[in-house]
Amino acid sequence: MTMTETLAPTAVVHQHITDAVKAPDLIRLDGNLVLARFETMKVYAALGAVRELLRRGTVRPGQTLVDSSSGIYALALAMACHRYGLRCHIIASTTVDATMRAQLEILGATVDRMPPSQDLRLDQERRVQRVRELLAERSDLHWMRQYHDDIHYLGYRELAELVSTALPSAPLTVVGSVGTGSSTGGLIEPLRQRDPSVRLVGVQPFGSITFGSEGFSDPEAIIAGIGSSIHFGNVRHELYDAMHWVDFRHAMAGAVGLMRDHAVFAGLSTGATYLVAGREAAANPHRTHLLIGADTGHRYAERVFARHHEALRPDGLRPKEITSLHDLAPPWSAMEWQRQPYSTAGKDGQAWKGGQS
């Protein structure tokens, strides 16, 4: 049965654009592989956080919210501020392009953009330092702290309700890029309240500190929104059942493959996740696999899609199965994380075998 047959179409008149863009399109890519395709997934995080801050009285209409972002969260926060009469100031990563900056400015946000850098750690550290400088200068600012404040988990409960309604029967595996930790964490926690067996498979780039790959360099890409070179307090390592580390070339293969095979134009993190989800789905045919596609592919048009003739074919790619972080190696490694804290993972873990039942 297809998703179209399962979910009857409905016509809704939305009160604000955030309601229209937050919910994903659910697309069955294969028998047990479903894509949740978002225009801007982090609208869930921004709306949930802003509404809660207003409810608590922590912020008031007209106040300025400030945060650092590589692009997706910046737009989501600017849209949430537009909806609720708040001001917005973004410390923008070097990955924020002219198109994104124009949207932010038209929405009324002010933008500080960091100087060009191929060093993800330097870019992130500069952004955080700039936020701290602004907070020292101005008492009216509220720092959203998307990397550390778990208020960003709240909005994803609505997404969990949608997923539970759309995919009610088969055992479920969620596959998503880790990033700040809020999207996968905020989705998996309410899903596991209903069914503790729901698996969570995370995706990381090489060079990210979050799951121990900071000793590697992937000079071709800064994969925005998937990894980090600084500690993110919102990442709860013990939520993840398995972890995959994917390099730029493999993420590119997934992004181009998703477009070629299913006509879906999605971002580079979605490409990496598509590659991983396909592997997991093939190994576990009795489970439904929900692939999180956080944004569209527009900001990767030149760096990825214009180079589609260079892309590897996903069908021939396989991960290196590891039992310890000591064995981690590019271009693609996979490991059963077993819902462990970071301090204990990778010491005596079971080898990745395509997932567990």
Protein backbone atom coordinates (compact mmCIF):
# COMPACT_ATOMS: atom_id res chain seq x y z
CA MET A 1 0.00 0.00 0.00
CA THR A 2 1.40 3.39 -0.95
CA MET A 3 1.57 6.48 1.24
CA THR A 4 -0.99 8.14 -1.05
CA GLU A 5 -3.40 5.28 -0.42
CA THR A 6 -2.73 5.35 3.32
CA LEU A 7 -3.10 9.07 3.91
CA ALA A 8 -6.09 10.79 2.37
CA PRO A 9 -5.20 14.24 0.99
CA THR A 10 -6.57 17.23 2.86
CA ALA A 11 -6.75 20.91 1.99
CA VAL A 12 -5.63 23.31 4.71
CA VAL A 13 -5.46 27.10 4.74
CA HIS A 14 -2.47 27.98 6.91
CA GLN A 15 -2.25 31.11 9.05
CA HIS A 16 1.49 31.56 8.50
CA ILE A 17 4.14 30.17 6.14
CA THR A 18 5.83 28.33 9.04
CA ASP A 19 2.83 26.00 9.29
CA ALA A 20 3.07 25.23 5.59
CA VAL A 21 6.81 24.50 5.41
CA LYS A 22 7.41 22.66 8.68
CA ALA A 23 5.59 19.43 7.88
CA PRO A 24 7.40 17.00 5.56
CA ASP A 25 6.24 15.28 2.43
CA LEU A 26 6.32 11.54 3.11
CA ILE A 27 7.55 9.64 0.06
CA ARG A 28 7.92 5.86 -0.18
CA LEU A 29 11.21 5.35 -1.98
CA ASP A 30 11.10 1.57 -1.71
CA GLY A 31 9.06 -1.09 0.04
CA ASN A 32 10.48 -0.41 3.51
CA LEU A 33 12.17 2.95 2.94
CA VAL A 34 10.23 6.19 3.46
CA LEU A 35 11.65 9.69 3.02
CA ALA A 36 10.46 12.57 5.18
CA ARG A 37 11.36 15.42 2.82
CA PHE A 38 11.46 18.85 4.41
CA GLU A 39 11.86 22.29 2.93
CA THR A 40 13.25 23.54 6.25
CA MET A 41 13.08 20.94 9.02
CA LYS A 42 14.34 23.21 11.78
CA VAL A 43 11.13 25.23 11.67
CA TYR A 44 9.89 22.61 14.16
CA ALA A 45 12.78 23.41 16.51
CA ALA A 46 12.51 27.19 16.15
CA LEU A 47 8.73 27.34 16.55
CA GLY A 48 8.72 25.01 19.53
CA ALA A 49 11.48 26.96 21.26
CA VAL A 50 10.04 30.42 20.57
CA ARG A 51 6.55 29.45 21.69
CA GLU A 52 7.88 27.99 24.94
CA LEU A 53 10.05 31.05 25.64
CA LEU A 54 7.05 33.33 25.12
CA ARG A 55 4.86 31.10 27.29
CA ARG A 56 7.40 31.19 30.12
CA GLY A 57 7.83 34.95 29.79
CA THR A 58 11.54 34.48 29.14
CA VAL A 59 11.23 36.67 26.05
CA ARG A 60 8.63 39.23 25.07
CA PRO A 61 7.35 40.50 21.70
CA GLY A 62 9.78 42.99 20.20
CA GLN A 63 12.81 41.46 21.87
CA THR A 64 15.81 40.31 19.80
CA LEU A 65 16.73 36.64 19.56
CA VAL A 66 20.29 35.86 18.52
CA ASP A 67 22.06 32.68 17.48
CA SER A 68 24.77 31.19 15.32
CA SER A 69 23.81 29.08 12.30
CA SER A 70 25.07 27.42 9.16
CA GLY A 71 21.86 28.39 7.38
CA ILE A 72 18.84 26.12 7.95
CA TYR A 73 18.23 27.14 11.56
CA ALA A 74 18.86 30.79 10.72
CA LEU A 75 15.99 30.83 8.25
CA ALA A 76 13.74 28.87 10.61
CA LEU A 77 14.41 31.28 13.49
CA ALA A 78 13.89 34.32 11.28
CA MET A 79 10.54 32.91 10.16
CA ALA A 80 9.49 32.15 13.74
CA CYS A 81 10.45 35.70 14.78
CA HIS A 82 8.48 37.08 11.84
CA ARG A 83 5.44 35.13 13.01
CA TYR A 84 5.59 36.17 16.67
CA GLY A 85 6.74 39.78 16.38
CA LEU A 86 10.31 39.26 17.57
CA ARG A 87 13.57 40.60 16.19
CA CYS A 88 16.28 38.28 14.94
CA HIS A 89 20.07 38.55 14.71
CA ILE A 90 22.07 35.78 13.03
CA ILE A 91 25.79 35.08 13.27
CA ALA A 92 26.12 33.35 9.93
CA SER A 93 28.52 30.60 8.98
CA THR A 94 30.75 30.95 5.97
CA THR A 95 28.42 28.38 4.35
CA VAL A 96 25.50 30.87 4.26
CA ASP A 97 25.22 31.98 0.65
CA ALA A 98 23.84 35.18 -0.90
CA THR A 99 20.40 33.67 -1.50
CA MET A 100 20.00 32.67 2.14
CA ARG A 101 21.31 36.01 3.37
CA ALA A 102 18.84 37.91 1.17
CA GLN A 103 15.95 35.90 2.61
CA LEU A 104 17.09 36.60 6.16
CA GLU A 105 17.42 40.33 5.54
CA ILE A 106 14.03 40.61 3.86
CA LEU A 107 12.50 38.84 6.86
CA GLY A 108 13.97 41.60 9.01
CA ALA A 109 16.92 39.72 10.48
CA THR A 110 20.29 41.39 10.86
CA VAL A 111 23.22 39.23 9.79
CA ASP A 112 26.85 39.04 10.85
CA ARG A 113 28.72 36.80 8.43
CA MET A 114 32.00 35.21 9.35
CA PRO A 115 34.95 35.57 6.94
CA PRO A 116 35.49 32.73 4.43
CA SER A 117 37.04 29.62 5.98
CA GLN A 118 37.53 25.96 5.07
CA ASP A 119 38.14 25.19 8.75
CA LEU A 120 34.86 24.15 10.38
CA ARG A 121 36.25 24.51 13.90
CA LEU A 122 37.52 28.03 13.27
CA ASP A 123 34.21 29.02 11.67
CA GLN A 124 32.16 27.72 14.62
CA GLU A 125 34.46 29.20 17.25
CA ARG A 126 34.34 32.61 15.56
CA ARG A 127 30.56 32.52 15.54
CA VAL A 128 30.27 31.63 19.21
CA GLN A 129 32.80 34.34 20.13
CA ARG A 130 30.79 36.91 18.18
CA VAL A 131 27.61 35.93 20.03
CA ARG A 132 29.38 36.41 23.34
CA GLU A 133 30.61 39.84 22.25
CA LEU A 134 27.06 40.91 21.37
CA LEU A 135 25.68 39.64 24.68
CA ALA A 136 28.30 41.69 26.53
CA GLU A 137 27.31 44.80 24.56
CA ARG A 138 23.52 44.48 24.69
CA SER A 139 21.26 43.44 27.57
CA ASP A 140 18.12 43.03 25.42
CA LEU A 141 19.36 39.97 23.52
CA HIS A 142 18.27 36.40 24.19
CA TRP A 143 20.72 33.74 23.01
CA MET A 144 18.78 30.80 21.58
CA ARG A 145 21.69 28.34 22.05
CA GLN A 146 20.42 25.85 19.48
CA TYR A 147 23.47 23.68 20.15
CA HIS A 148 22.92 23.41 23.91
CA ASP A 149 19.39 24.34 25.05
CA ASP A 150 17.10 21.29 25.00
CA ILE A 151 14.12 23.57 24.52
CA HIS A 152 14.78 22.83 20.83
CA TYR A 153 13.61 19.24 21.39
CA LEU A 154 10.03 20.34 22.11
CA GLY A 155 8.85 21.15 18.59
CA TYR A 156 9.64 17.69 17.26
CA ARG A 157 6.93 16.07 19.36
CA GLU A 158 4.48 17.24 16.72
CA LEU A 159 6.56 15.47 14.07
CA ALA A 160 6.55 12.29 16.16
CA GLU A 161 2.74 12.38 16.18
CA LEU A 162 2.71 12.68 12.41
CA VAL A 163 5.15 9.77 12.01
CA SER A 164 3.17 7.55 14.38
CA THR A 165 -0.01 8.22 12.42
CA ALA A 166 1.60 7.67 9.01
CA LEU A 167 3.64 4.57 9.90
CA PRO A 168 1.64 2.72 12.55
CA SER A 169 2.35 -0.95 11.88
CA ALA A 170 5.86 -2.23 11.10
CA PRO A 171 8.83 -1.91 13.49
CA LEU A 172 10.47 1.46 12.84
CA THR A 173 14.05 2.65 12.31
CA VAL A 174 14.77 6.38 12.06
CA VAL A 175 17.89 7.37 10.06
CA GLY A 176 19.07 10.97 10.32
CA SER A 177 22.10 13.21 10.47
CA VAL A 178 23.12 14.09 14.02
CA GLY A 179 23.90 17.80 13.72
CA THR A 180 22.93 19.58 16.93
CA GLY A 181 21.18 16.45 18.17
CA SER A 182 17.78 18.10 18.54
CA SER A 183 16.02 16.77 15.46
CA THR A 184 16.83 13.09 15.89
CA GLY A 185 16.68 13.31 19.69
CA GLY A 186 13.46 15.31 19.74
CA LEU A 187 11.84 12.84 17.35
CA ILE A 188 13.06 9.56 18.86
CA GLU A 189 12.19 10.26 22.49
CA PRO A 190 8.40 10.56 21.99
CA LEU A 191 8.44 7.69 19.48
CA ARG A 192 10.11 5.46 22.09
CA GLN A 193 7.54 6.43 24.69
CA ARG A 194 5.10 4.53 22.47
CA ASP A 195 7.53 1.82 21.36
CA PRO A 196 10.94 1.44 23.04
CA SER A 197 12.16 -0.76 20.16
CA VAL A 198 12.31 2.13 17.66
CA ARG A 199 15.90 2.26 16.38
CA LEU A 200 17.87 5.42 15.76
CA VAL A 201 20.74 5.40 13.26
CA GLY A 202 22.88 8.54 13.20
CA VAL A 203 25.04 9.91 10.38
CA GLN A 204 28.24 11.92 10.87
CA PRO A 205 30.92 13.42 8.59
CA PHE A 206 34.59 12.75 9.12
CA GLY A 207 36.17 15.59 11.07
CA SER A 208 33.29 15.92 13.55
CA ILE A 209 34.06 15.79 17.27
CA THR A 210 30.56 14.63 18.21
CA PHE A 211 31.16 10.91 17.63
CA GLY A 212 34.95 10.78 17.67
CA SER A 213 36.06 11.41 14.08
CA GLU A 214 37.86 14.71 14.72
CA GLY A 215 41.20 13.13 13.86
CA PHE A 216 40.23 12.92 10.19
CA SER A 217 40.12 15.61 7.55
CA ASP A 218 37.70 15.77 4.62
CA PRO A 219 38.98 18.82 2.72
CA GLU A 220 36.37 18.73 -0.05
CA ALA A 221 33.48 19.74 2.13
CA ILE A 222 32.04 21.36 5.18
CA ILE A 223 28.81 19.38 5.46
CA ALA A 224 26.65 21.96 7.19
CA GLY A 225 24.11 20.73 9.72
CA ILE A 226 25.47 17.18 10.12
CA GLY A 227 28.63 17.41 12.24
CA SER A 228 30.53 19.69 14.59
CA SER A 229 34.04 20.59 15.63
CA ILE A 230 32.86 21.84 19.04
CA HIS A 231 30.88 20.12 21.80
CA PHE A 232 27.09 20.21 21.36
CA GLY A 233 25.18 19.81 24.61
CA ASN A 234 21.99 18.77 22.80
CA VAL A 235 23.55 15.57 21.47
CA ARG A 236 22.50 12.65 23.69
CA HIS A 237 24.77 9.83 22.59
CA GLU A 238 22.80 7.22 24.49
CA LEU A 239 19.82 7.65 22.14
CA TYR A 240 21.63 6.15 19.12
CA ASP A 241 21.58 2.46 18.24
CA ALA A 242 24.06 2.71 15.36
CA MET A 243 26.37 5.29 13.85
CA HIS A 244 27.71 5.81 10.32
CA TRP A 245 30.53 8.13 9.32
CA VAL A 246 30.40 9.19 5.65
CA ASP A 247 32.81 11.33 3.64
CA PHE A 248 31.93 14.02 1.11
CA ARG A 249 32.26 11.78 -1.97
CA HIS A 250 29.88 9.22 -0.52
CA ALA A 251 27.41 11.90 0.60
CA MET A 252 27.55 13.31 -2.93
CA ALA A 253 26.87 9.84 -4.34
CA GLY A 254 23.79 9.60 -2.14
CA ALA A 255 22.48 13.06 -3.03
CA VAL A 256 22.89 12.54 -6.78
CA GLY A 257 21.55 8.99 -6.48
CA LEU A 258 18.43 10.20 -4.66
CA MET A 259 17.79 12.70 -7.45
CA ARG A 260 18.50 10.18 -10.21
CA ASP A 261 16.49 7.32 -8.73
CA HIS A 262 13.57 9.17 -7.14
CA ALA A 263 13.60 12.74 -8.60
CA VAL A 264 14.12 14.18 -5.10
CA PHE A 265 16.36 17.28 -4.91
CA ALA A 266 17.72 17.31 -1.36
CA GLY A 267 20.76 18.51 0.57
CA LEU A 268 24.10 16.85 1.08
CA SER A 269 23.29 15.59 4.58
CA THR A 270 20.19 13.94 3.11
CA GLY A 271 22.42 12.32 0.50
CA ALA A 272 24.60 10.80 3.21
CA THR A 273 21.54 9.65 5.09
CA TYR A 274 19.99 8.14 1.95
CA LEU A 275 23.11 6.07 1.41
CA VAL A 276 23.01 4.80 5.00
CA ALA A 277 19.25 4.21 5.06
CA GLY A 278 19.42 2.14 1.88
CA ARG A 279 22.02 -0.10 3.48
CA GLU A 280 20.02 -0.47 6.69
CA ALA A 281 16.74 -1.11 4.84
CA ALA A 282 18.26 -3.85 2.69
CA ALA A 283 19.65 -5.60 5.78
CA ASN A 284 16.37 -5.35 7.73
CA PRO A 285 13.46 -5.92 5.29
CA HIS A 286 10.93 -6.42 8.11
CA ARG A 287 11.49 -2.92 9.50
CA THR A 288 10.24 0.38 8.05
CA HIS A 289 13.09 2.88 7.71
CA LEU A 290 12.27 6.59 7.96
CA LEU A 291 14.94 8.69 6.27
CA ILE A 292 15.11 12.32 7.46
CA GLY A 293 15.70 14.75 4.57
CA ALA A 294 16.30 18.02 6.42
CA ASP A 295 16.36 20.50 3.52
CA THR A 296 16.41 20.95 -0.23
CA GLY A 297 19.50 20.82 -2.43
CA HIS A 298 19.62 24.43 -3.57
CA ARG A 299 22.66 25.52 -1.59
CA TYR A 300 24.60 22.56 -2.98
CA ALA A 301 23.70 23.22 -6.62
CA GLU A 302 27.22 24.14 -7.71
CA ARG A 303 29.35 22.10 -5.31
CA VAL A 304 27.42 18.84 -5.72
CA PHE A 305 24.73 18.69 -8.37
CA ALA A 306 26.61 20.55 -11.10
CA ARG A 307 29.27 17.84 -10.69
CA HIS A 308 26.83 14.95 -10.98
CA HIS A 309 28.91 13.27 -13.67
CA GLU A 310 31.65 12.78 -11.03
CA ALA A 311 29.34 11.05 -8.54
CA LEU A 312 29.99 7.48 -7.46
CA ARG A 313 27.20 4.93 -7.94
CA PRO A 314 25.60 4.20 -4.53
CA ASP A 315 24.87 0.54 -5.34
CA GLY A 316 28.54 -0.40 -5.25
CA LEU A 317 29.39 1.35 -1.97
CA ARG A 318 29.78 -0.52 1.32
CA PRO A 319 30.81 0.60 4.83
CA LYS A 320 33.72 -0.69 6.84
CA GLU A 321 32.15 -2.48 9.79
CA ILE A 322 33.94 -1.58 13.03
CA THR A 323 33.67 -2.47 16.71
CA SER A 324 35.78 0.36 18.11
CA LEU A 325 36.42 3.99 17.33
CA HIS A 326 40.08 3.03 17.10
CA ASP A 327 39.19 1.30 13.80
CA LEU A 328 37.34 4.27 12.34
CA ALA A 329 38.47 5.10 8.79
CA PRO A 330 37.19 6.93 5.69
CA PRO A 331 35.38 6.85 3.39
CA TRP A 332 32.51 5.08 5.20
CA SER A 333 32.52 3.33 8.56
CA ALA A 334 29.63 1.89 10.54
CA MET A 335 29.30 0.71 14.11
CA GLU A 336 26.64 -0.54 16.53
CA TRP A 337 26.56 2.25 19.13
CA GLN A 338 24.12 0.35 21.38
CA ARG A 339 22.65 3.42 23.10
CA GLN A 340 25.83 4.02 25.08
CA PRO A 341 27.18 7.26 26.52
CA TYR A 342 30.15 8.56 24.60
CA SER A 343 32.50 7.74 27.47
CA THR A 344 31.87 3.98 27.16
CA ALA A 345 31.06 3.48 23.48
CA GLY A 346 33.47 1.76 21.14
CA LYS A 347 35.38 -0.17 23.79
CA ASP A 348 33.67 -3.56 23.60
CA GLY A 349 30.88 -2.82 21.12
CA GLN A 350 29.39 -5.38 18.77
CA ALA A 351 30.37 -5.12 15.11
CA TRP A 352 27.87 -3.48 12.81
CA LYS A 353 25.92 -6.14 10.89
CA GLY A 354 23.46 -3.95 9.05
CA GLY A 355 21.40 -3.25 12.14
CA GLN A 356 19.65 -5.39 14.72
CA SER A 357 16.10 -6.63 14.78
